[in-house]
Amino acid sequence: MRALAASGKVRFTHKALCELAELDLGLDEQDACRVLAGLTTRDAVERVAAERTGEWLHVFKPRVAGTLVYVKLVLRTDCVVVSFHREVSVDEEDGEDQG
């Protein structure tokens, strides 16, 4: 994954591009690729099978400019970024559900 990101072999879903823009950290696709290239095993959270395709989705939670970010991707011949957004804590989710 890091090698794919470093060589620019990364695609973003429409959803991930929208999330990246909404992240409000001034990141573009190249910046996101640098984040991917710098991911470590400490950033890894889980691996889940996609319901529709059965492919493994890799979830990471790195800190970017002091902000905890949720990154989900799938590895094929390239790296496909499925999600790239600010991590929402359980407390924040509960507050949104109540409001």
PDB file of N, CA and C in Angstrom:
ATOM      1  N   MET A   1       0.813  -1.171   0.000  1.00  0.00           N
ATOM      2  CA  MET A   1       0.000   0.000   0.000  1.00  0.00           C
ATOM      3  C   MET A   1       0.874   1.260   0.000  1.00  0.00           C
ATOM      4  N   ARG A   2       1.887   1.266   0.852  1.00  0.00           N
ATOM      5  CA  ARG A   2       2.762   2.445   0.896  1.00  0.00           C
ATOM      6  C   ARG A   2       3.480   2.638  -0.437  1.00  0.00           C
ATOM      7  N   ALA A   3       3.908   1.539  -1.037  1.00  0.00           N
ATOM      8  CA  ALA A   3       4.599   1.632  -2.327  1.00  0.00           C
ATOM      9  C   ALA A   3       3.649   2.139  -3.418  1.00  0.00           C
ATOM     10  N   LEU A   4       2.416   1.649  -3.417  1.00  0.00           N
ATOM     11  CA  LEU A   4       1.428   2.123  -4.394  1.00  0.00           C
ATOM     12  C   LEU A   4       1.181   3.614  -4.218  1.00  0.00           C
ATOM     13  N   ALA A   5       1.042   4.052  -2.974  1.00  0.00           N
ATOM     14  CA  ALA A   5       0.798   5.470  -2.699  1.00  0.00           C
ATOM     15  C   ALA A   5       1.996   6.317  -3.112  1.00  0.00           C
ATOM     16  N   ALA A   6       3.190   5.834  -2.791  1.00  0.00           N
ATOM     17  CA  ALA A   6       4.400   6.582  -3.127  1.00  0.00           C
ATOM     18  C   ALA A   6       4.585   6.721  -4.638  1.00  0.00           C
ATOM     19  N   SER A   7       4.125   5.713  -5.383  1.00  0.00           N
ATOM     20  CA  SER A   7       4.260   5.772  -6.842  1.00  0.00           C
ATOM     21  C   SER A   7       3.025   6.374  -7.517  1.00  0.00           C
ATOM     22  N   GLY A   8       2.067   6.857  -6.731  1.00  0.00           N
ATOM     23  CA  GLY A   8       0.890   7.526  -7.296  1.00  0.00           C
ATOM     24  C   GLY A   8      -0.165   6.599  -7.852  1.00  0.00           C
ATOM     25  N   LYS A   9      -0.080   5.319  -7.522  1.00  0.00           N
ATOM     26  CA  LYS A   9      -1.069   4.365  -8.021  1.00  0.00           C
ATOM     27  C   LYS A   9      -2.240   4.276  -7.043  1.00  0.00           C
ATOM     28  N   VAL A  10      -2.923   5.417  -6.907  1.00  0.00           N
ATOM     29  CA  VAL A  10      -4.032   5.545  -5.966  1.00  0.00           C
ATOM     30  C   VAL A  10      -5.221   6.151  -6.693  1.00  0.00           C
ATOM     31  N   ARG A  11      -6.384   5.590  -6.438  1.00  0.00           N
ATOM     32  CA  ARG A  11      -7.643   6.152  -6.941  1.00  0.00           C
ATOM     33  C   ARG A  11      -8.526   6.455  -5.747  1.00  0.00           C
ATOM     34  N   PHE A  12      -9.366   7.447  -5.882  1.00  0.00           N
ATOM     35  CA  PHE A  12     -10.292   7.824  -4.826  1.00  0.00           C
ATOM     36  C   PHE A  12     -11.716   7.659  -5.336  1.00  0.00           C
ATOM     37  N   THR A  13     -12.562   7.058  -4.515  1.00  0.00           N
ATOM     38  CA  THR A  13     -13.973   7.010  -4.880  1.00  0.00           C
ATOM     39  C   THR A  13     -14.526   8.431  -4.789  1.00  0.00           C
ATOM     40  N   HIS A  14     -15.659   8.664  -5.408  1.00  0.00           N
ATOM     41  CA  HIS A  14     -16.300   9.979  -5.336  1.00  0.00           C
ATOM     42  C   HIS A  14     -16.559  10.350  -3.883  1.00  0.00           C
ATOM     43  N   LYS A  15     -17.025   9.376  -3.105  1.00  0.00           N
ATOM     44  CA  LYS A  15     -17.301   9.586  -1.680  1.00  0.00           C
ATOM     45  C   LYS A  15     -16.039  10.037  -0.953  1.00  0.00           C
ATOM     46  N   ALA A  16     -14.919   9.367  -1.198  1.00  0.00           N
ATOM     47  CA  ALA A  16     -13.666   9.714  -0.529  1.00  0.00           C
ATOM     48  C   ALA A  16     -13.195  11.114  -0.921  1.00  0.00           C
ATOM     49  N   LEU A  17     -13.360  11.493  -2.184  1.00  0.00           N
ATOM     50  CA  LEU A  17     -12.979  12.837  -2.616  1.00  0.00           C
ATOM     51  C   LEU A  17     -13.823  13.901  -1.928  1.00  0.00           C
ATOM     52  N   CYS A  18     -15.112  13.646  -1.804  1.00  0.00           N
ATOM     53  CA  CYS A  18     -15.993  14.585  -1.106  1.00  0.00           C
ATOM     54  C   CYS A  18     -15.592  14.704   0.359  1.00  0.00           C
ATOM     55  N   GLU A  19     -15.305  13.573   0.984  1.00  0.00           N
ATOM     56  CA  GLU A  19     -14.895  13.580   2.387  1.00  0.00           C
ATOM     57  C   GLU A  19     -13.581  14.328   2.572  1.00  0.00           C
ATOM     58  N   LEU A  20     -12.648  14.122   1.656  1.00  0.00           N
ATOM     59  CA  LEU A  20     -11.356  14.794   1.726  1.00  0.00           C
ATOM     60  C   LEU A  20     -11.545  16.303   1.662  1.00  0.00           C
ATOM     61  N   ALA A  21     -12.425  16.759   0.784  1.00  0.00           N
ATOM     62  CA  ALA A  21     -12.699  18.190   0.654  1.00  0.00           C
ATOM     63  C   ALA A  21     -13.361  18.738   1.919  1.00  0.00           C
ATOM     64  N   GLU A  22     -14.238  17.949   2.533  1.00  0.00           N
ATOM     65  CA  GLU A  22     -14.956  18.374   3.733  1.00  0.00           C
ATOM     66  C   GLU A  22     -14.097  18.288   4.994  1.00  0.00           C
ATOM     67  N   LEU A  23     -12.967  17.616   4.918  1.00  0.00           N
ATOM     68  CA  LEU A  23     -12.096  17.430   6.076  1.00  0.00           C
ATOM     69  C   LEU A  23     -11.593  18.765   6.613  1.00  0.00           C
ATOM     70  N   ASP A  24     -11.527  19.767   5.743  1.00  0.00           N
ATOM     71  CA  ASP A  24     -11.191  21.127   6.144  1.00  0.00           C
ATOM     72  C   ASP A  24      -9.767  21.259   6.680  1.00  0.00           C
ATOM     73  N   LEU A  25      -8.851  20.462   6.139  1.00  0.00           N
ATOM     74  CA  LEU A  25      -7.442  20.576   6.514  1.00  0.00           C
ATOM     75  C   LEU A  25      -6.604  21.083   5.340  1.00  0.00           C
ATOM     76  N   GLY A  26      -7.281  21.428   4.244  1.00  0.00           N
ATOM     77  CA  GLY A  26      -6.569  21.927   3.073  1.00  0.00           C
ATOM     78  C   GLY A  26      -5.806  20.852   2.317  1.00  0.00           C
ATOM     79  N   LEU A  27      -6.223  19.601   2.455  1.00  0.00           N
ATOM     80  CA  LEU A  27      -5.538  18.492   1.778  1.00  0.00           C
ATOM     81  C   LEU A  27      -6.105  18.269   0.389  1.00  0.00           C
ATOM     82  N   ASP A  28      -5.231  17.919  -0.548  1.00  0.00           N
ATOM     83  CA  ASP A  28      -5.686  17.494  -1.865  1.00  0.00           C
ATOM     84  C   ASP A  28      -5.301  16.021  -2.037  1.00  0.00           C
ATOM     85  N   GLU A  29      -5.511  15.492  -3.225  1.00  0.00           N
ATOM     86  CA  GLU A  29      -5.232  14.075  -3.467  1.00  0.00           C
ATOM     87  C   GLU A  29      -3.752  13.737  -3.261  1.00  0.00           C
ATOM     88  N   GLN A  30      -2.869  14.621  -3.662  1.00  0.00           N
ATOM     89  CA  GLN A  30      -1.433  14.365  -3.465  1.00  0.00           C
ATOM     90  C   GLN A  30      -1.084  14.325  -1.984  1.00  0.00           C
ATOM     91  N   ASP A  31      -1.682  15.225  -1.220  1.00  0.00           N
ATOM     92  CA  ASP A  31      -1.454  15.218   0.228  1.00  0.00           C
ATOM     93  C   ASP A  31      -1.957  13.906   0.826  1.00  0.00           C
ATOM     94  N   ALA A  32      -3.136  13.473   0.392  1.00  0.00           N
ATOM     95  CA  ALA A  32      -3.702  12.217   0.893  1.00  0.00           C
ATOM     96  C   ALA A  32      -2.796  11.041   0.537  1.00  0.00           C
ATOM     97  N   CYS A  33      -2.205  11.065  -0.645  1.00  0.00           N
ATOM     98  CA  CYS A  33      -1.256  10.003  -1.027  1.00  0.00           C
ATOM     99  C   CYS A  33      -0.046  10.005  -0.113  1.00  0.00           C
ATOM    100  N   ARG A  34       0.420  11.191   0.285  1.00  0.00           N
ATOM    101  CA  ARG A  34       1.545  11.266   1.228  1.00  0.00           C
ATOM    102  C   ARG A  34       1.139  10.684   2.587  1.00  0.00           C
ATOM    103  N   VAL A  35      -0.096  10.932   2.998  1.00  0.00           N
ATOM    104  CA  VAL A  35      -0.589  10.340   4.249  1.00  0.00           C
ATOM    105  C   VAL A  35      -0.576   8.821   4.124  1.00  0.00           C
ATOM    106  N   LEU A  36      -1.077   8.300   3.004  1.00  0.00           N
ATOM    107  CA  LEU A  36      -1.102   6.850   2.787  1.00  0.00           C
ATOM    108  C   LEU A  36       0.313   6.269   2.779  1.00  0.00           C
ATOM    109  N   ALA A  37       1.223   6.959   2.129  1.00  0.00           N
ATOM    110  CA  ALA A  37       2.605   6.472   2.042  1.00  0.00           C
ATOM    111  C   ALA A  37       3.266   6.448   3.419  1.00  0.00           C
ATOM    112  N   GLY A  38       2.785   7.266   4.336  1.00  0.00           N
ATOM    113  CA  GLY A  38       3.370   7.325   5.664  1.00  0.00           C
ATOM    114  C   GLY A  38       2.661   6.491   6.713  1.00  0.00           C
ATOM    115  N   LEU A  39       1.626   5.754   6.334  1.00  0.00           N
ATOM    116  CA  LEU A  39       0.903   4.936   7.306  1.00  0.00           C
ATOM    117  C   LEU A  39       1.809   3.868   7.906  1.00  0.00           C
ATOM    118  N   THR A  40       1.596   3.594   9.175  1.00  0.00           N
ATOM    119  CA  THR A  40       2.383   2.570   9.862  1.00  0.00           C
ATOM    120  C   THR A  40       1.441   1.519  10.439  1.00  0.00           C
ATOM    121  N   THR A  41       2.011   0.463  10.951  1.00  0.00           N
ATOM    122  CA  THR A  41       1.182  -0.578  11.581  1.00  0.00           C
ATOM    123  C   THR A  41       0.463  -0.027  12.803  1.00  0.00           C
ATOM    124  N   ARG A  42       1.014   1.003  13.431  1.00  0.00           N
ATOM    125  CA  ARG A  42       0.336   1.623  14.582  1.00  0.00           C
ATOM    126  C   ARG A  42      -0.950   2.321  14.166  1.00  0.00           C
ATOM    127  N   ASP A  43      -1.029   2.756  12.891  1.00  0.00           N
ATOM    128  CA  ASP A  43      -2.229   3.423  12.378  1.00  0.00           C
ATOM    129  C   ASP A  43      -3.315   2.423  11.995  1.00  0.00           C
ATOM    130  N   ALA A  44      -2.931   1.161  11.811  1.00  0.00           N
ATOM    131  CA  ALA A  44      -3.885   0.127  11.388  1.00  0.00           C
ATOM    132  C   ALA A  44      -4.870  -0.175  12.507  1.00  0.00           C
ATOM    133  N   VAL A  45      -6.145  -0.267  12.143  1.00  0.00           N
ATOM    134  CA  VAL A  45      -7.191  -0.518  13.130  1.00  0.00           C
ATOM    135  C   VAL A  45      -7.831  -1.881  12.917  1.00  0.00           C
ATOM    136  N   GLU A  46      -8.250  -2.152  11.684  1.00  0.00           N
ATOM    137  CA  GLU A  46      -8.899  -3.428  11.410  1.00  0.00           C
ATOM    138  C   GLU A  46      -8.903  -3.710   9.918  1.00  0.00           C
ATOM    139  N   ARG A  47      -9.305  -4.916   9.617  1.00  0.00           N
ATOM    140  CA  ARG A  47      -9.477  -5.360   8.237  1.00  0.00           C
ATOM    141  C   ARG A  47     -10.820  -6.054   8.189  1.00  0.00           C
ATOM    142  N   VAL A  48     -11.687  -5.619   7.283  1.00  0.00           N
ATOM    143  CA  VAL A  48     -13.032  -6.195   7.179  1.00  0.00           C
ATOM    144  C   VAL A  48     -13.307  -6.592   5.737  1.00  0.00           C
ATOM    145  N   ALA A  49     -14.122  -7.605   5.563  1.00  0.00           N
ATOM    146  CA  ALA A  49     -14.495  -8.040   4.214  1.00  0.00           C
ATOM    147  C   ALA A  49     -15.654  -7.184   3.718  1.00  0.00           C
ATOM    148  N   ALA A  50     -15.528  -6.697   2.497  1.00  0.00           N
ATOM    149  CA  ALA A  50     -16.605  -5.919   1.876  1.00  0.00           C
ATOM    150  C   ALA A  50     -17.798  -6.841   1.639  1.00  0.00           C
ATOM    151  N   GLU A  51     -18.969  -6.365   1.980  1.00  0.00           N
ATOM    152  CA  GLU A  51     -20.171  -7.187   1.833  1.00  0.00           C
ATOM    153  C   GLU A  51     -20.426  -7.591   0.393  1.00  0.00           C
ATOM    154  N   ARG A  52     -20.272  -6.634  -0.515  1.00  0.00           N
ATOM    155  CA  ARG A  52     -20.624  -6.891  -1.907  1.00  0.00           C
ATOM    156  C   ARG A  52     -19.589  -7.710  -2.657  1.00  0.00           C
ATOM    157  N   THR A  53     -18.301  -7.397  -2.443  1.00  0.00           N
ATOM    158  CA  THR A  53     -17.261  -8.050  -3.249  1.00  0.00           C
ATOM    159  C   THR A  53     -16.447  -9.087  -2.490  1.00  0.00           C
ATOM    160  N   GLY A  54     -16.483  -9.037  -1.161  1.00  0.00           N
ATOM    161  CA  GLY A  54     -15.673  -9.941  -0.360  1.00  0.00           C
ATOM    162  C   GLY A  54     -14.211  -9.525  -0.251  1.00  0.00           C
ATOM    163  N   GLU A  55     -13.848  -8.420  -0.910  1.00  0.00           N
ATOM    164  CA  GLU A  55     -12.471  -7.923  -0.840  1.00  0.00           C
ATOM    165  C   GLU A  55     -12.178  -7.412   0.569  1.00  0.00           C
ATOM    166  N   TRP A  56     -10.912  -7.475   0.949  1.00  0.00           N
ATOM    167  CA  TRP A  56     -10.505  -6.960   2.246  1.00  0.00           C
ATOM    168  C   TRP A  56     -10.406  -5.450   2.200  1.00  0.00           C
ATOM    169  N   LEU A  57     -11.080  -4.801   3.136  1.00  0.00           N
ATOM    170  CA  LEU A  57     -10.989  -3.354   3.319  1.00  0.00           C
ATOM    171  C   LEU A  57     -10.090  -3.105   4.519  1.00  0.00           C
ATOM    172  N   HIS A  58      -9.105  -2.254   4.359  1.00  0.00           N
ATOM    173  CA  HIS A  58      -8.148  -1.953   5.413  1.00  0.00           C
ATOM    174  C   HIS A  58      -8.497  -0.595   6.025  1.00  0.00           C
ATOM    175  N   VAL A  59      -8.607  -0.555   7.339  1.00  0.00           N
ATOM    176  CA  VAL A  59      -8.980   0.668   8.041  1.00  0.00           C
ATOM    177  C   VAL A  59      -7.790   1.169   8.854  1.00  0.00           C
ATOM    178  N   PHE A  60      -7.504   2.456   8.706  1.00  0.00           N
ATOM    179  CA  PHE A  60      -6.415   3.117   9.422  1.00  0.00           C
ATOM    180  C   PHE A  60      -6.951   4.374  10.090  1.00  0.00           C
ATOM    181  N   LYS A  61      -6.297   4.766  11.182  1.00  0.00           N
ATOM    182  CA  LYS A  61      -6.658   6.003  11.864  1.00  0.00           C
ATOM    183  C   LYS A  61      -5.382   6.777  12.219  1.00  0.00           C
ATOM    184  N   PRO A  62      -4.815   7.454  11.216  1.00  0.00           N
ATOM    185  CA  PRO A  62      -3.621   8.263  11.480  1.00  0.00           C
ATOM    186  C   PRO A  62      -4.002   9.663  11.977  1.00  0.00           C
ATOM    187  N   ARG A  63      -3.046  10.334  12.554  1.00  0.00           N
ATOM    188  CA  ARG A  63      -3.219  11.748  12.910  1.00  0.00           C
ATOM    189  C   ARG A  63      -2.652  12.581  11.762  1.00  0.00           C
ATOM    190  N   VAL A  64      -3.440  13.522  11.290  1.00  0.00           N
ATOM    191  CA  VAL A  64      -3.022  14.421  10.217  1.00  0.00           C
ATOM    192  C   VAL A  64      -3.218  15.848  10.720  1.00  0.00           C
ATOM    193  N   ALA A  65      -2.145  16.579  10.847  1.00  0.00           N
ATOM    194  CA  ALA A  65      -2.200  17.957  11.356  1.00  0.00           C
ATOM    195  C   ALA A  65      -2.965  18.011  12.677  1.00  0.00           C
ATOM    196  N   GLY A  66      -2.717  17.026  13.549  1.00  0.00           N
ATOM    197  CA  GLY A  66      -3.354  16.994  14.862  1.00  0.00           C
ATOM    198  C   GLY A  66      -4.770  16.469  14.882  1.00  0.00           C
ATOM    199  N   THR A  67      -5.293  16.087  13.732  1.00  0.00           N
ATOM    200  CA  THR A  67      -6.663  15.592  13.626  1.00  0.00           C
ATOM    201  C   THR A  67      -6.646  14.090  13.368  1.00  0.00           C
ATOM    202  N   LEU A  68      -7.439  13.344  14.132  1.00  0.00           N
ATOM    203  CA  LEU A  68      -7.562  11.906  13.908  1.00  0.00           C
ATOM    204  C   LEU A  68      -8.437  11.683  12.681  1.00  0.00           C
ATOM    205  N   VAL A  69      -7.902  10.936  11.711  1.00  0.00           N
ATOM    206  CA  VAL A  69      -8.584  10.716  10.441  1.00  0.00           C
ATOM    207  C   VAL A  69      -8.894   9.238  10.266  1.00  0.00           C
ATOM    208  N   TYR A  70     -10.045   8.946   9.667  1.00  0.00           N
ATOM    209  CA  TYR A  70     -10.478   7.578   9.363  1.00  0.00           C
ATOM    210  C   TYR A  70     -10.220   7.348   7.881  1.00  0.00           C
ATOM    211  N   VAL A  71      -9.393   6.355   7.568  1.00  0.00           N
ATOM    212  CA  VAL A  71      -9.063   6.031   6.180  1.00  0.00           C
ATOM    213  C   VAL A  71      -9.406   4.568   5.935  1.00  0.00           C
ATOM    214  N   LYS A  72     -10.205   4.322   4.906  1.00  0.00           N
ATOM    215  CA  LYS A  72     -10.534   2.938   4.530  1.00  0.00           C
ATOM    216  C   LYS A  72     -10.164   2.774   3.068  1.00  0.00           C
ATOM    217  N   LEU A  73      -9.467   1.670   2.777  1.00  0.00           N
ATOM    218  CA  LEU A  73      -9.025   1.446   1.405  1.00  0.00           C
ATOM    219  C   LEU A  73      -9.041  -0.028   1.055  1.00  0.00           C
ATOM    220  N   VAL A  74      -8.985  -0.287  -0.227  1.00  0.00           N
ATOM    221  CA  VAL A  74      -8.897  -1.651  -0.732  1.00  0.00           C
ATOM    222  C   VAL A  74      -7.695  -1.706  -1.673  1.00  0.00           C
ATOM    223  N   LEU A  75      -6.955  -2.792  -1.604  1.00  0.00           N
ATOM    224  CA  LEU A  75      -5.787  -2.962  -2.460  1.00  0.00           C
ATOM    225  C   LEU A  75      -6.133  -3.872  -3.626  1.00  0.00           C
ATOM    226  N   ARG A  76      -5.889  -3.375  -4.801  1.00  0.00           N
ATOM    227  CA  ARG A  76      -6.054  -4.152  -6.033  1.00  0.00           C
ATOM    228  C   ARG A  76      -4.728  -4.020  -6.771  1.00  0.00           C
ATOM    229  N   THR A  77      -4.743  -3.799  -8.077  1.00  0.00           N
ATOM    230  CA  THR A  77      -3.481  -3.491  -8.756  1.00  0.00           C
ATOM    231  C   THR A  77      -3.056  -2.074  -8.419  1.00  0.00           C
ATOM    232  N   ASP A  78      -3.997  -1.322  -7.863  1.00  0.00           N
ATOM    233  CA  ASP A  78      -3.722  -0.010  -7.319  1.00  0.00           C
ATOM    234  C   ASP A  78      -4.362   0.070  -5.940  1.00  0.00           C
ATOM    235  N   CYS A  79      -4.294   1.215  -5.336  1.00  0.00           N
ATOM    236  CA  CYS A  79      -4.889   1.419  -4.018  1.00  0.00           C
ATOM    237  C   CYS A  79      -6.135   2.267  -4.218  1.00  0.00           C
ATOM    238  N   VAL A  80      -7.280   1.780  -3.795  1.00  0.00           N
ATOM    239  CA  VAL A  80      -8.531   2.523  -3.947  1.00  0.00           C
ATOM    240  C   VAL A  80      -8.961   3.021  -2.576  1.00  0.00           C
ATOM    241  N   VAL A  81      -8.986   4.348  -2.424  1.00  0.00           N
ATOM    242  CA  VAL A  81      -9.398   4.951  -1.166  1.00  0.00           C
ATOM    243  C   VAL A  81     -10.915   5.064  -1.170  1.00  0.00           C
ATOM    244  N   VAL A  82     -11.541   4.413  -0.199  1.00  0.00           N
ATOM    245  CA  VAL A  82     -13.001   4.369  -0.099  1.00  0.00           C
ATOM    246  C   VAL A  82     -13.506   5.463   0.837  1.00  0.00           C
ATOM    247  N   SER A  83     -12.784   5.724   1.919  1.00  0.00           N
ATOM    248  CA  SER A  83     -13.167   6.760   2.884  1.00  0.00           C
ATOM    249  C   SER A  83     -11.931   7.513   3.351  1.00  0.00           C
ATOM    250  N   PHE A  84     -12.110   8.813   3.575  1.00  0.00           N
ATOM    251  CA  PHE A  84     -11.021   9.643   4.089  1.00  0.00           C
ATOM    252  C   PHE A  84     -11.669  10.832   4.790  1.00  0.00           C
ATOM    253  N   HIS A  85     -11.977  10.668   6.072  1.00  0.00           N
ATOM    254  CA  HIS A  85     -12.684  11.730   6.788  1.00  0.00           C
ATOM    255  C   HIS A  85     -12.223  11.819   8.232  1.00  0.00           C
ATOM    256  N   ARG A  86     -12.649  12.867   8.901  1.00  0.00           N
ATOM    257  CA  ARG A  86     -12.324  13.044  10.316  1.00  0.00           C
ATOM    258  C   ARG A  86     -12.996  11.935  11.096  1.00  0.00           C
ATOM    259  N   GLU A  87     -12.251  11.354  12.029  1.00  0.00           N
ATOM    260  CA  GLU A  87     -12.809  10.307  12.878  1.00  0.00           C
ATOM    261  C   GLU A  87     -13.814  10.935  13.834  1.00  0.00           C
ATOM    262  N   VAL A  88     -14.960  10.313  13.950  1.00  0.00           N
ATOM    263  CA  VAL A  88     -16.003  10.792  14.844  1.00  0.00           C
ATOM    264  C   VAL A  88     -16.016   9.887  16.065  1.00  0.00           C
ATOM    265  N   SER A  89     -15.917  10.494  17.241  1.00  0.00           N
ATOM    266  CA  SER A  89     -15.932   9.699  18.470  1.00  0.00           C
ATOM    267  C   SER A  89     -17.340   9.205  18.750  1.00  0.00           C
ATOM    268  N   VAL A  90     -17.453   8.219  19.609  1.00  0.00           N
ATOM    269  CA  VAL A  90     -18.758   7.668  19.990  1.00  0.00           C
ATOM    270  C   VAL A  90     -19.612   8.760  20.620  1.00  0.00           C
ATOM    271  N   ASP A  91     -19.013   9.618  21.438  1.00  0.00           N
ATOM    272  CA  ASP A  91     -19.750  10.710  22.070  1.00  0.00           C
ATOM    273  C   ASP A  91     -20.333  11.655  21.037  1.00  0.00           C
ATOM    274  N   GLU A  92     -19.552  11.978  19.990  1.00  0.00           N
ATOM    275  CA  GLU A  92     -20.038  12.860  18.935  1.00  0.00           C
ATOM    276  C   GLU A  92     -21.183  12.211  18.175  1.00  0.00           C
ATOM    277  N   GLU A  93     -21.044  10.893  17.891  1.00  0.00           N
ATOM    278  CA  GLU A  93     -22.121  10.188  17.193  1.00  0.00           C
ATOM    279  C   GLU A  93     -23.391  10.213  18.012  1.00  0.00           C
ATOM    280  N   ASP A  94     -23.277   9.974  19.337  1.00  0.00           N
ATOM    281  CA  ASP A  94     -24.440   9.981  20.217  1.00  0.00           C
ATOM    282  C   ASP A  94     -25.094  11.363  20.212  1.00  0.00           C
ATOM    283  N   GLY A  95     -24.296  12.409  20.240  1.00  0.00           N
ATOM    284  CA  GLY A  95     -24.829  13.766  20.240  1.00  0.00           C
ATOM    285  C   GLY A  95     -25.572  14.072  18.960  1.00  0.00           C
ATOM    286  N   GLU A  96     -25.090  13.566  17.818  1.00  0.00           N
ATOM    287  CA  GLU A  96     -25.770  13.791  16.553  1.00  0.00           C
ATOM    288  C   GLU A  96     -27.086  13.041  16.529  1.00  0.00           C
ATOM    289  N   ASP A  97     -27.114  11.835  17.074  1.00  0.00           N
ATOM    290  CA  ASP A  97     -28.343  11.049  17.066  1.00  0.00           C
ATOM    291  C   ASP A  97     -29.415  11.689  17.928  1.00  0.00           C
ATOM    292  N   GLN A  98     -29.008  12.343  19.009  1.00  0.00           N
ATOM    293  CA  GLN A  98     -29.981  12.927  19.914  1.00  0.00           C
ATOM    294  C   GLN A  98     -30.488  14.267  19.392  1.00  0.00           C
ATOM    295  N   GLY A  99     -29.713  14.928  18.546  1.00  0.00           N
ATOM    296  CA  GLY A  99     -30.072  16.277  18.107  1.00  0.00           C
ATOM    297  C   GLY A  99     -30.713  16.284  16.822  1.00  0.00           C
TER     298      GLY A  99
END
